[in-house]
Amino acid sequence: MAIHLRQICLVAEALAPAVDDLARGLCLSPCYVDPHVAEFGLKNTLLRAGSQFLEVVAPTGPGTAAGRQLARRGGDGGYMVICQADTRAEQTALRARAADLGVRVAFEVDRRTWNIMQLHPGDMGAAFLEVDWDEAADPTGNWHPAGGLDWQRAPAGNAIIAAATLQHPDPGALAARWAAVLGLPVTDRGDIHTIALANADLHFMPDTDGRGAGLGGITLSGATKNLPATLCGTRFTARP
């Protein structure tokens, strides 16, 4: 059994400029707009990074969780780490571990062949952790948040998501919490605490930008080395 990183969600005050900046700066193609996010007071666009996705959401009115995140962190930035569990049993086990640690389920819906589960960012300590299960069980194929297989119509490009960086005043404690929920070990690589997912890493580092705990950075492999330093309030780095 394994957990794959499928999608990173960023939040922006204004959707179109953020999507345009990311598409140009990272050479990624928009691939899907999800109409279902409207029920949360949001609009979105997904950009394709191989068989992974970089999503941008923006609030369409007041009183949304995304709007509160923008206010809390002082502008655009990281919002969600979205993963795919190989099996429903693995997703169920992860939910049980989260409950044992007092981590609340912020949102869940069972669509029979697809189950969405989001864990509360206040309990996870930096960002939403979403772990979904899909009956197709193909971490490089069918993905309902991107329209099933509709996303494959967009050019793949060269970049894929190699790592996401979560920042916190106590990154070691944050890494230990995420590891306990995910059921995976933590490896210390210098001053970086790392959890290895099946296809990407989660890095846990100190808050160095003064924005507090949150999803602060994304590492891309296969991308140009001359990446813009910051896009949509998020640091981007290239891995060879």
Protein backbone atom coordinates (compact mmCIF):
# COMPACT_ATOMS: atom_id res chain seq x y z
CA MET A 1 0.00 0.00 0.00
CA ALA A 2 1.17 3.55 -0.75
CA ILE A 3 0.15 7.18 -0.64
CA HIS A 4 0.85 9.33 -3.71
CA LEU A 5 0.92 13.10 -3.95
CA ARG A 6 -1.57 14.02 -6.71
CA GLN A 7 -2.32 17.70 -6.20
CA ILE A 8 -1.20 20.85 -4.42
CA CYS A 9 -3.78 23.57 -3.90
CA LEU A 10 -2.87 27.25 -3.65
CA VAL A 11 -5.26 30.04 -2.70
CA ALA A 12 -5.32 33.44 -4.40
CA GLU A 13 -7.25 36.66 -4.02
CA ALA A 14 -7.80 36.73 -7.81
CA LEU A 15 -7.87 33.54 -9.84
CA ALA A 16 -7.00 34.53 -13.41
CA PRO A 17 -3.78 36.50 -12.70
CA ALA A 18 -2.47 33.73 -10.44
CA VAL A 19 -3.20 31.01 -13.00
CA ASP A 20 -1.61 33.05 -15.77
CA ASP A 21 1.53 33.67 -13.71
CA LEU A 22 1.87 29.98 -12.83
CA ALA A 23 1.26 28.81 -16.39
CA ARG A 24 3.86 31.19 -17.82
CA GLY A 25 6.39 30.93 -15.03
CA LEU A 26 6.32 27.13 -14.68
CA CYS A 27 5.41 26.18 -18.28
CA LEU A 28 2.30 24.32 -17.08
CA SER A 29 -0.96 23.99 -19.01
CA PRO A 30 -4.40 24.62 -17.48
CA CYS A 31 -6.30 21.34 -17.76
CA TYR A 32 -9.57 21.48 -15.80
CA VAL A 33 -12.07 23.73 -14.04
CA ASP A 34 -14.04 21.98 -11.31
CA PRO A 35 -17.64 23.23 -11.05
CA HIS A 36 -18.16 21.46 -7.71
CA VAL A 37 -15.97 23.92 -5.77
CA ALA A 38 -18.71 26.54 -6.17
CA GLU A 39 -20.53 24.96 -3.21
CA PHE A 40 -17.63 26.14 -1.02
CA GLY A 41 -17.80 29.69 -2.39
CA LEU A 42 -14.81 29.10 -4.67
CA LYS A 43 -13.74 29.03 -8.27
CA ASN A 44 -10.67 27.14 -9.45
CA THR A 45 -8.35 26.06 -12.22
CA LEU A 46 -6.02 23.05 -12.30
CA LEU A 47 -2.71 23.02 -14.15
CA ARG A 48 -1.17 19.77 -15.28
CA ALA A 49 2.28 18.69 -14.01
CA GLY A 50 2.72 15.24 -15.55
CA SER A 51 0.05 13.18 -13.81
CA GLN A 52 -0.04 15.59 -10.85
CA PHE A 53 -1.81 18.92 -10.53
CA LEU A 54 -1.25 22.41 -9.26
CA GLU A 55 -4.62 23.90 -8.34
CA VAL A 56 -5.49 27.52 -7.64
CA VAL A 57 -8.70 28.44 -5.83
CA ALA A 58 -10.10 31.89 -5.18
CA PRO A 59 -13.12 32.90 -3.06
CA THR A 60 -16.16 34.24 -4.88
CA GLY A 61 -17.56 36.00 -1.83
CA PRO A 62 -17.06 36.60 1.90
CA GLY A 63 -17.16 34.00 4.66
CA THR A 64 -15.15 31.21 3.06
CA ALA A 65 -12.37 29.09 4.59
CA ALA A 66 -10.16 30.16 1.69
CA GLY A 67 -10.82 33.80 2.46
CA ARG A 68 -9.89 33.24 6.10
CA GLN A 69 -6.67 31.58 4.96
CA LEU A 70 -5.80 34.61 2.83
CA ALA A 71 -6.37 36.87 5.83
CA ARG A 72 -4.45 34.65 8.24
CA ARG A 73 -1.33 34.41 6.09
CA GLY A 74 -1.46 37.89 4.61
CA GLY A 75 -2.19 37.05 0.99
CA ASP A 76 -1.84 34.35 -1.65
CA GLY A 77 -0.13 31.10 -0.71
CA GLY A 78 -0.30 27.37 -0.09
CA TYR A 79 -3.54 25.79 1.06
CA MET A 80 -3.85 21.99 0.66
CA VAL A 81 -1.73 18.88 0.23
CA ILE A 82 -3.92 16.40 -1.68
CA CYS A 83 -2.97 12.73 -1.87
CA GLN A 84 -4.32 9.47 -3.25
CA ALA A 85 -4.48 6.29 -1.16
CA ASP A 86 -3.97 3.05 -3.08
CA THR A 87 -6.86 1.32 -1.33
CA ARG A 88 -9.94 2.25 0.63
CA ALA A 89 -8.59 0.21 3.54
CA GLU A 90 -5.53 2.43 3.60
CA GLN A 91 -7.67 5.57 3.63
CA THR A 92 -9.78 4.09 6.45
CA ALA A 93 -6.65 3.29 8.48
CA LEU A 94 -5.36 6.82 7.98
CA ARG A 95 -8.70 8.23 9.18
CA ALA A 96 -8.47 6.06 12.30
CA ARG A 97 -4.93 7.24 13.06
CA ALA A 98 -6.06 10.86 12.66
CA ALA A 99 -8.99 10.29 15.04
CA ASP A 100 -6.68 8.74 17.63
CA LEU A 101 -4.61 11.94 17.51
CA GLY A 102 -7.64 14.19 17.83
CA VAL A 103 -7.47 15.38 14.21
CA ARG A 104 -10.90 16.33 12.94
CA VAL A 105 -12.28 15.46 9.52
CA ALA A 106 -13.10 18.87 8.03
CA PHE A 107 -14.98 17.49 5.03
CA GLU A 108 -15.81 14.05 3.68
CA VAL A 109 -18.08 12.71 0.97
CA ASP A 110 -18.52 9.14 -0.26
CA ARG A 111 -19.35 8.88 -3.95
CA ARG A 112 -19.16 5.07 -3.93
CA THR A 113 -16.29 4.78 -6.41
CA TRP A 114 -14.50 7.79 -4.94
CA ASN A 115 -14.16 9.01 -1.37
CA ILE A 116 -12.87 12.47 -0.43
CA MET A 117 -11.47 13.09 3.05
CA GLN A 118 -10.01 16.40 4.21
CA LEU A 119 -8.32 16.71 7.61
CA HIS A 120 -8.62 19.99 9.49
CA PRO A 121 -5.65 22.36 9.02
CA GLY A 122 -5.95 23.60 12.60
CA ASP A 123 -5.32 20.07 13.84
CA MET A 124 -2.72 19.18 11.19
CA GLY A 125 -0.84 22.34 12.11
CA ALA A 126 -0.04 23.95 8.75
CA ALA A 127 -2.40 23.03 5.92
CA PHE A 128 -5.29 20.82 4.93
CA LEU A 129 -4.24 17.22 4.34
CA GLU A 130 -6.64 15.59 1.90
CA VAL A 131 -6.38 11.87 1.20
CA ASP A 132 -8.78 10.53 -1.41
CA TRP A 133 -9.53 7.01 -2.59
CA ASP A 134 -10.46 6.24 -6.19
CA GLU A 135 -11.75 2.86 -7.34
CA ALA A 136 -9.56 3.01 -10.47
CA ALA A 137 -6.50 2.92 -8.16
CA ASP A 138 -4.21 4.45 -10.78
CA PRO A 139 -1.99 7.19 -9.30
CA THR A 140 -0.94 8.28 -12.80
CA GLY A 141 -4.40 8.06 -14.39
CA ASN A 142 -7.99 8.67 -13.35
CA TRP A 143 -8.40 11.56 -10.91
CA HIS A 144 -11.90 12.86 -10.25
CA PRO A 145 -10.85 16.36 -9.07
CA ALA A 146 -9.32 16.81 -12.54
CA GLY A 147 -12.31 15.48 -14.44
CA GLY A 148 -11.45 11.79 -14.41
CA LEU A 149 -9.24 11.54 -17.47
CA ASP A 150 -10.18 14.91 -19.00
CA TRP A 151 -6.89 16.38 -17.80
CA GLN A 152 -4.97 14.18 -20.26
CA ARG A 153 -6.09 16.44 -23.12
CA ALA A 154 -3.71 19.16 -21.88
CA PRO A 155 0.02 19.02 -22.71
CA ALA A 156 1.98 17.21 -20.02
CA GLY A 157 4.95 19.58 -19.99
CA ASN A 158 8.21 18.62 -18.31
CA ALA A 159 7.71 19.56 -14.67
CA ILE A 160 6.38 17.31 -11.93
CA ILE A 161 5.95 17.99 -8.22
CA ALA A 162 8.90 16.50 -6.36
CA ALA A 163 8.27 17.99 -2.92
CA ALA A 164 6.06 20.28 -0.89
CA THR A 165 7.48 22.30 1.99
CA LEU A 166 5.46 22.93 5.15
CA GLN A 167 6.80 25.57 7.50
CA HIS A 168 6.24 25.84 11.24
CA PRO A 169 7.91 27.29 14.35
CA ASP A 170 8.56 23.68 15.45
CA PRO A 171 9.06 21.74 12.20
CA GLY A 172 10.15 18.57 14.00
CA ALA A 173 6.90 18.38 15.95
CA LEU A 174 4.89 19.15 12.80
CA ALA A 175 6.69 16.40 10.87
CA ALA A 176 6.03 13.92 13.67
CA ARG A 177 2.30 14.74 13.61
CA TRP A 178 2.00 14.36 9.85
CA ALA A 179 4.02 11.16 9.97
CA ALA A 180 1.76 9.70 12.66
CA VAL A 181 -1.32 10.44 10.57
CA LEU A 182 0.20 9.17 7.33
CA GLY A 183 1.71 6.09 8.98
CA LEU A 184 5.13 6.87 7.51
CA PRO A 185 8.57 7.52 9.04
CA VAL A 186 10.40 10.84 9.28
CA THR A 187 13.94 11.13 7.97
CA ASP A 188 16.17 14.01 9.02
CA ARG A 189 18.23 15.33 6.13
CA GLY A 190 20.33 18.04 7.69
CA ASP A 191 17.91 20.62 9.04
CA ILE A 192 15.06 19.33 6.87
CA HIS A 193 12.60 16.79 8.28
CA THR A 194 11.30 14.66 5.41
CA ILE A 195 8.42 12.24 4.87
CA ALA A 196 8.74 10.24 1.68
CA LEU A 197 5.46 9.58 -0.11
CA ALA A 198 5.38 7.10 -2.99
CA ASN A 199 6.15 9.73 -5.62
CA ALA A 200 7.19 12.90 -3.78
CA ASP A 201 8.51 14.20 -0.48
CA LEU A 202 7.05 16.37 2.23
CA HIS A 203 9.62 18.71 3.77
CA PHE A 204 9.18 20.38 7.16
CA MET A 205 11.21 23.50 7.84
CA PRO A 206 11.19 26.56 10.12
CA ASP A 207 9.09 29.60 9.31
CA THR A 208 11.64 31.97 7.78
CA ASP A 209 9.35 34.42 5.98
CA GLY A 210 7.31 35.61 8.95
CA ARG A 211 4.02 34.33 7.52
CA GLY A 212 3.51 31.66 10.16
CA ALA A 213 2.71 27.99 9.79
CA GLY A 214 1.62 26.93 6.33
CA LEU A 215 2.43 25.40 2.99
CA GLY A 216 5.30 27.61 1.94
CA GLY A 217 7.11 26.01 -0.98
CA ILE A 218 7.00 23.58 -3.88
CA THR A 219 9.92 21.80 -5.54
CA LEU A 220 9.58 20.80 -9.18
CA SER A 221 11.71 18.27 -11.02
CA GLY A 222 12.13 18.41 -14.77
CA ALA A 223 11.51 22.17 -14.73
CA THR A 224 13.79 24.90 -15.99
CA LYS A 225 16.39 25.91 -13.43
CA ASN A 226 15.39 29.56 -13.86
CA LEU A 227 12.12 29.32 -12.01
CA PRO A 228 10.57 32.51 -10.61
CA ALA A 229 11.41 32.65 -6.91
CA THR A 230 7.81 33.23 -5.83
CA LEU A 231 4.47 32.74 -7.55
CA CYS A 232 1.04 32.96 -5.93
CA GLY A 233 2.73 33.61 -2.60
CA THR A 234 4.62 30.30 -2.82
CA ARG A 235 8.35 29.65 -3.17
CA PHE A 236 9.30 27.50 -6.17
CA THR A 237 12.60 25.65 -6.54
CA ALA A 238 13.93 23.27 -9.16
CA ARG A 239 15.29 19.79 -8.48
CA PRO A 240 17.63 18.34 -11.13
